[in-house]
């Protein structure tokens, strides 16, 4: 989907654009996460998606993974309205959300390193909120790093992870007849 969204005649119609969304082009709330500023941006995010998906592969099936990406995309696309951003393209907010969700599920399943990954993500997000995005990344993608999308994605991913954590805990309690 990201490759199709990168087609030069389609990309301008799919990127997150505040004014266009306010004029009724609401699909951009979802599709802005699929577009990228250039091919280097797309490649960087595609490689990150592969690595993150590999790290947390034990927690995903196709249905859960697809649902998480859709929830993150819509949440990020809607959440960006709370910022002063006018335009957004990229999958990095979704990547941060998947990472948060995966780290919380590592913690839930007592996978070694889960806490370290989650704390590392928190430190990265705080760093970006204080100091901004990486200058080298900005040079590579030809745009400002959307640290707001990283924060929103991480928050939605963490919230989704906690909801899944507690709902799966209740399912376990019911199977073992533990009181609620």
C-alpha atoms as a PDB file:
ATOM      1  CA  UNK A   1       0.000   0.000   0.000  1.00  0.00           C
ATOM      2  CA  UNK A   2       2.850   2.388   0.817  1.00  0.00           C
ATOM      3  CA  UNK A   3       4.347   1.757  -2.634  1.00  0.00           C
ATOM      4  CA  UNK A   4       1.060   2.635  -4.328  1.00  0.00           C
ATOM      5  CA  UNK A   5       0.719   5.733  -2.130  1.00  0.00           C
ATOM      6  CA  UNK A   6       4.141   6.854  -3.365  1.00  0.00           C
ATOM      7  CA  UNK A   7       3.002   7.124  -7.009  1.00  0.00           C
ATOM      8  CA  UNK A   8       3.570  10.813  -7.849  1.00  0.00           C
ATOM      9  CA  UNK A   9       0.027  11.383  -9.131  1.00  0.00           C
ATOM     10  CA  UNK A  10      -1.548   9.747  -6.050  1.00  0.00           C
ATOM     11  CA  UNK A  11       0.685  10.982  -3.231  1.00  0.00           C
ATOM     12  CA  UNK A  12      -0.690  14.554  -3.182  1.00  0.00           C
ATOM     13  CA  UNK A  13      -4.213  13.125  -2.798  1.00  0.00           C
ATOM     14  CA  UNK A  14      -3.279  10.832   0.087  1.00  0.00           C
ATOM     15  CA  UNK A  15      -0.954  12.851   2.361  1.00  0.00           C
ATOM     16  CA  UNK A  16      -2.373  14.222   5.619  1.00  0.00           C
ATOM     17  CA  UNK A  17      -3.347  17.824   4.840  1.00  0.00           C
ATOM     18  CA  UNK A  18      -5.276  19.767   7.480  1.00  0.00           C
ATOM     19  CA  UNK A  19      -7.066  22.087   5.039  1.00  0.00           C
ATOM     20  CA  UNK A  20      -8.004  19.280   2.653  1.00  0.00           C
ATOM     21  CA  UNK A  21      -9.371  17.171   5.527  1.00  0.00           C
ATOM     22  CA  UNK A  22     -11.390  20.107   6.832  1.00  0.00           C
ATOM     23  CA  UNK A  23     -12.843  20.476   3.316  1.00  0.00           C
ATOM     24  CA  UNK A  24     -14.104  16.878   3.431  1.00  0.00           C
ATOM     25  CA  UNK A  25     -11.183  14.744   2.243  1.00  0.00           C
ATOM     26  CA  UNK A  26     -11.373  12.622   5.394  1.00  0.00           C
ATOM     27  CA  UNK A  27      -9.593   9.600   3.869  1.00  0.00           C
ATOM     28  CA  UNK A  28      -6.360  11.526   4.444  1.00  0.00           C
ATOM     29  CA  UNK A  29      -6.700  10.843   8.187  1.00  0.00           C
ATOM     30  CA  UNK A  30      -5.894   7.204   7.378  1.00  0.00           C
ATOM     31  CA  UNK A  31      -3.842   7.481   4.189  1.00  0.00           C
ATOM     32  CA  UNK A  32      -1.428  10.148   5.429  1.00  0.00           C
ATOM     33  CA  UNK A  33       0.360   7.353   7.267  1.00  0.00           C
ATOM     34  CA  UNK A  34       0.912   5.483   3.993  1.00  0.00           C
ATOM     35  CA  UNK A  35       2.543   8.343   2.089  1.00  0.00           C
ATOM     36  CA  UNK A  36       6.175   9.419   2.343  1.00  0.00           C
ATOM     37  CA  UNK A  37       8.152  12.506   1.431  1.00  0.00           C
ATOM     38  CA  UNK A  38      10.553  10.574  -0.818  1.00  0.00           C
ATOM     39  CA  UNK A  39      11.817   7.082  -1.588  1.00  0.00           C
ATOM     40  CA  UNK A  40      14.482   7.247   1.138  1.00  0.00           C
ATOM     41  CA  UNK A  41      11.724   8.000   3.666  1.00  0.00           C
ATOM     42  CA  UNK A  42       9.687   5.039   2.419  1.00  0.00           C
ATOM     43  CA  UNK A  43      12.698   2.710   2.519  1.00  0.00           C
ATOM     44  CA  UNK A  44      13.664   3.824   6.032  1.00  0.00           C
ATOM     45  CA  UNK A  45      10.131   3.215   7.336  1.00  0.00           C
ATOM     46  CA  UNK A  46       9.780  -0.096   5.459  1.00  0.00           C
ATOM     47  CA  UNK A  47      13.002  -1.402   6.995  1.00  0.00           C
ATOM     48  CA  UNK A  48      11.907  -0.225  10.450  1.00  0.00           C
ATOM     49  CA  UNK A  49       8.566  -2.007   9.947  1.00  0.00           C
ATOM     50  CA  UNK A  50      10.376  -5.234   9.065  1.00  0.00           C
ATOM     51  CA  UNK A  51      12.646  -5.021  12.123  1.00  0.00           C
ATOM     52  CA  UNK A  52       9.839  -4.113  14.542  1.00  0.00           C
ATOM     53  CA  UNK A  53       7.579  -6.816  13.096  1.00  0.00           C
ATOM     54  CA  UNK A  54      10.363  -9.377  13.514  1.00  0.00           C
ATOM     55  CA  UNK A  55      11.106  -8.340  17.109  1.00  0.00           C
ATOM     56  CA  UNK A  56       7.471  -8.631  18.197  1.00  0.00           C
ATOM     57  CA  UNK A  57       6.343 -11.406  15.817  1.00  0.00           C
ATOM     58  CA  UNK A  58       5.278 -13.697  18.681  1.00  0.00           C
ATOM     59  CA  UNK A  59       2.491 -11.272  19.627  1.00  0.00           C
ATOM     60  CA  UNK A  60       0.884 -10.848  16.221  1.00  0.00           C
ATOM     61  CA  UNK A  61      -1.421 -12.668  13.909  1.00  0.00           C
ATOM     62  CA  UNK A  62      -2.643 -11.114  10.651  1.00  0.00           C
ATOM     63  CA  UNK A  63      -5.997  -9.978  12.083  1.00  0.00           C
ATOM     64  CA  UNK A  64      -4.528  -8.402  15.229  1.00  0.00           C
ATOM     65  CA  UNK A  65      -1.681  -6.746  13.295  1.00  0.00           C
ATOM     66  CA  UNK A  66      -4.028  -5.273  10.686  1.00  0.00           C
ATOM     67  CA  UNK A  67      -6.442  -4.017  13.351  1.00  0.00           C
ATOM     68  CA  UNK A  68      -3.595  -2.409  15.297  1.00  0.00           C
ATOM     69  CA  UNK A  69      -2.265  -0.623  12.204  1.00  0.00           C
ATOM     70  CA  UNK A  70      -5.740   0.691  11.337  1.00  0.00           C
ATOM     71  CA  UNK A  71      -6.397   1.866  14.913  1.00  0.00           C
ATOM     72  CA  UNK A  72      -2.990   3.544  15.051  1.00  0.00           C
ATOM     73  CA  UNK A  73      -3.396   5.184  11.637  1.00  0.00           C
ATOM     74  CA  UNK A  74      -6.811   6.628  12.416  1.00  0.00           C
ATOM     75  CA  UNK A  75      -5.760   7.652  15.929  1.00  0.00           C
ATOM     76  CA  UNK A  76      -2.618   9.374  14.688  1.00  0.00           C
ATOM     77  CA  UNK A  77      -4.451  11.015  11.788  1.00  0.00           C
ATOM     78  CA  UNK A  78      -7.075  12.331  14.201  1.00  0.00           C
ATOM     79  CA  UNK A  79      -4.591  13.168  16.944  1.00  0.00           C
ATOM     80  CA  UNK A  80      -2.506  15.362  14.673  1.00  0.00           C
ATOM     81  CA  UNK A  81      -5.440  17.795  14.701  1.00  0.00           C
ATOM     82  CA  UNK A  82      -4.507  18.593  18.317  1.00  0.00           C
ATOM     83  CA  UNK A  83      -1.148  19.919  17.054  1.00  0.00           C
ATOM     84  CA  UNK A  84      -0.302  22.847  14.814  1.00  0.00           C
ATOM     85  CA  UNK A  85       0.836  20.559  11.977  1.00  0.00           C
ATOM     86  CA  UNK A  86      -0.559  21.430   8.571  1.00  0.00           C
ATOM     87  CA  UNK A  87       0.843  18.505   6.570  1.00  0.00           C
ATOM     88  CA  UNK A  88       2.083  15.014   7.443  1.00  0.00           C
ATOM     89  CA  UNK A  89       3.384  11.994   5.576  1.00  0.00           C
ATOM     90  CA  UNK A  90       4.976   8.859   6.934  1.00  0.00           C
ATOM     91  CA  UNK A  91       4.568   5.623   8.820  1.00  0.00           C
ATOM     92  CA  UNK A  92       6.791   6.530  11.769  1.00  0.00           C
ATOM     93  CA  UNK A  93       3.918   7.320  14.133  1.00  0.00           C
ATOM     94  CA  UNK A  94       2.450   3.885  13.408  1.00  0.00           C
ATOM     95  CA  UNK A  95       5.896   2.334  13.905  1.00  0.00           C
ATOM     96  CA  UNK A  96       6.177   3.929  17.345  1.00  0.00           C
ATOM     97  CA  UNK A  97       2.699   2.626  18.171  1.00  0.00           C
ATOM     98  CA  UNK A  98       3.524  -0.924  17.087  1.00  0.00           C
ATOM     99  CA  UNK A  99       6.737  -0.744  19.111  1.00  0.00           C
ATOM    100  CA  UNK A 100       4.883   0.422  22.252  1.00  0.00           C
ATOM    101  CA  UNK A 101       2.232  -2.275  21.819  1.00  0.00           C
ATOM    102  CA  UNK A 102       4.885  -4.932  21.273  1.00  0.00           C
ATOM    103  CA  UNK A 103       6.991  -3.858  24.262  1.00  0.00           C
ATOM    104  CA  UNK A 104       3.947  -3.957  26.539  1.00  0.00           C
ATOM    105  CA  UNK A 105       3.129  -7.428  25.252  1.00  0.00           C
ATOM    106  CA  UNK A 106       6.727  -8.477  25.905  1.00  0.00           C
ATOM    107  CA  UNK A 107       6.183  -7.270  29.484  1.00  0.00           C
ATOM    108  CA  UNK A 108       2.835  -9.110  29.652  1.00  0.00           C
ATOM    109  CA  UNK A 109       4.419 -12.375  28.533  1.00  0.00           C
ATOM    110  CA  UNK A 110       7.513 -11.785  30.677  1.00  0.00           C
ATOM    111  CA  UNK A 111       9.734 -11.770  27.589  1.00  0.00           C
ATOM    112  CA  UNK A 112      13.262 -10.792  28.493  1.00  0.00           C
ATOM    113  CA  UNK A 113      13.971  -7.164  27.592  1.00  0.00           C
ATOM    114  CA  UNK A 114      10.356  -5.983  27.423  1.00  0.00           C
ATOM    115  CA  UNK A 115      10.821  -3.384  30.140  1.00  0.00           C
ATOM    116  CA  UNK A 116      14.083  -2.202  28.590  1.00  0.00           C
ATOM    117  CA  UNK A 117      12.410  -1.714  25.203  1.00  0.00           C
ATOM    118  CA  UNK A 118       9.477   0.153  26.753  1.00  0.00           C
ATOM    119  CA  UNK A 119      11.682   2.448  28.853  1.00  0.00           C
ATOM    120  CA  UNK A 120      13.927   3.029  25.827  1.00  0.00           C
ATOM    121  CA  UNK A 121      10.901   4.133  23.807  1.00  0.00           C
ATOM    122  CA  UNK A 122       9.805   6.498  26.585  1.00  0.00           C
ATOM    123  CA  UNK A 123      13.292   8.040  26.731  1.00  0.00           C
ATOM    124  CA  UNK A 124      13.343   8.468  22.930  1.00  0.00           C
ATOM    125  CA  UNK A 125       9.931  10.146  22.916  1.00  0.00           C
ATOM    126  CA  UNK A 126      10.890  12.509  25.759  1.00  0.00           C
ATOM    127  CA  UNK A 127      14.183  13.345  23.993  1.00  0.00           C
ATOM    128  CA  UNK A 128      12.339  14.166  20.764  1.00  0.00           C
ATOM    129  CA  UNK A 129       9.770  16.314  22.549  1.00  0.00           C
ATOM    130  CA  UNK A 130      12.563  18.350  24.153  1.00  0.00           C
ATOM    131  CA  UNK A 131      15.202  18.456  21.402  1.00  0.00           C
ATOM    132  CA  UNK A 132      13.284  17.626  18.228  1.00  0.00           C
ATOM    133  CA  UNK A 133      13.971  15.023  15.597  1.00  0.00           C
ATOM    134  CA  UNK A 134      17.316  13.927  14.243  1.00  0.00           C
ATOM    135  CA  UNK A 135      18.916  16.431  11.853  1.00  0.00           C
ATOM    136  CA  UNK A 136      20.304  13.576   9.751  1.00  0.00           C
ATOM    137  CA  UNK A 137      16.830  12.026   9.425  1.00  0.00           C
ATOM    138  CA  UNK A 138      15.401  15.395   8.433  1.00  0.00           C
ATOM    139  CA  UNK A 139      18.076  15.782   5.757  1.00  0.00           C
ATOM    140  CA  UNK A 140      17.363  12.279   4.449  1.00  0.00           C
ATOM    141  CA  UNK A 141      13.585  12.669   4.245  1.00  0.00           C
ATOM    142  CA  UNK A 142      13.611  16.311   3.186  1.00  0.00           C
ATOM    143  CA  UNK A 143      11.189  17.363   5.921  1.00  0.00           C
ATOM    144  CA  UNK A 144      10.925  17.992   9.640  1.00  0.00           C
ATOM    145  CA  UNK A 145      10.622  14.795  11.686  1.00  0.00           C
ATOM    146  CA  UNK A 146       7.025  14.656  12.928  1.00  0.00           C
ATOM    147  CA  UNK A 147       7.788  14.025  16.590  1.00  0.00           C
ATOM    148  CA  UNK A 148       4.143  14.758  17.379  1.00  0.00           C
ATOM    149  CA  UNK A 149       3.140  11.679  15.367  1.00  0.00           C
ATOM    150  CA  UNK A 150       5.758   9.620  17.224  1.00  0.00           C
ATOM    151  CA  UNK A 151       4.279  10.719  20.568  1.00  0.00           C
ATOM    152  CA  UNK A 152       0.672  10.160  19.496  1.00  0.00           C
ATOM    153  CA  UNK A 153       1.510   6.760  17.999  1.00  0.00           C
ATOM    154  CA  UNK A 154       3.409   5.652  21.106  1.00  0.00           C
ATOM    155  CA  UNK A 155       0.539   6.769  23.369  1.00  0.00           C
ATOM    156  CA  UNK A 156      -2.108   4.974  21.296  1.00  0.00           C
ATOM    157  CA  UNK A 157       0.084   1.875  20.988  1.00  0.00           C
ATOM    158  CA  UNK A 158       0.723   1.844  24.737  1.00  0.00           C
ATOM    159  CA  UNK A 159      -2.972   2.353  25.515  1.00  0.00           C
ATOM    160  CA  UNK A 160      -3.909  -0.451  23.101  1.00  0.00           C
ATOM    161  CA  UNK A 161      -1.242  -2.652  24.658  1.00  0.00           C
ATOM    162  CA  UNK A 162      -2.536  -2.000  28.178  1.00  0.00           C
ATOM    163  CA  UNK A 163      -6.122  -2.691  27.093  1.00  0.00           C
ATOM    164  CA  UNK A 164      -5.010  -5.968  25.505  1.00  0.00           C
ATOM    165  CA  UNK A 165      -2.869  -6.736  28.575  1.00  0.00           C
ATOM    166  CA  UNK A 166      -5.772  -6.357  31.003  1.00  0.00           C
ATOM    167  CA  UNK A 167      -8.390  -7.982  28.763  1.00  0.00           C
ATOM    168  CA  UNK A 168      -6.167 -11.029  28.215  1.00  0.00           C
ATOM    169  CA  UNK A 169      -5.491 -11.141  31.973  1.00  0.00           C
ATOM    170  CA  UNK A 170      -9.244 -11.276  32.631  1.00  0.00           C
ATOM    171  CA  UNK A 171      -9.561 -14.104  30.078  1.00  0.00           C
ATOM    172  CA  UNK A 172      -6.787 -15.996  31.916  1.00  0.00           C
ATOM    173  CA  UNK A 173      -8.502 -15.359  35.267  1.00  0.00           C
ATOM    174  CA  UNK A 174     -11.802 -16.708  33.918  1.00  0.00           C
ATOM    175  CA  UNK A 175     -10.108 -19.853  32.569  1.00  0.00           C
ATOM    176  CA  UNK A 176      -8.568 -20.504  35.988  1.00  0.00           C
ATOM    177  CA  UNK A 177     -11.672 -19.378  37.933  1.00  0.00           C
ATOM    178  CA  UNK A 178      -9.784 -16.544  39.620  1.00  0.00           C
ATOM    179  CA  UNK A 179     -12.021 -13.887  41.161  1.00  0.00           C
ATOM    180  CA  UNK A 180     -12.098 -10.518  39.363  1.00  0.00           C
END
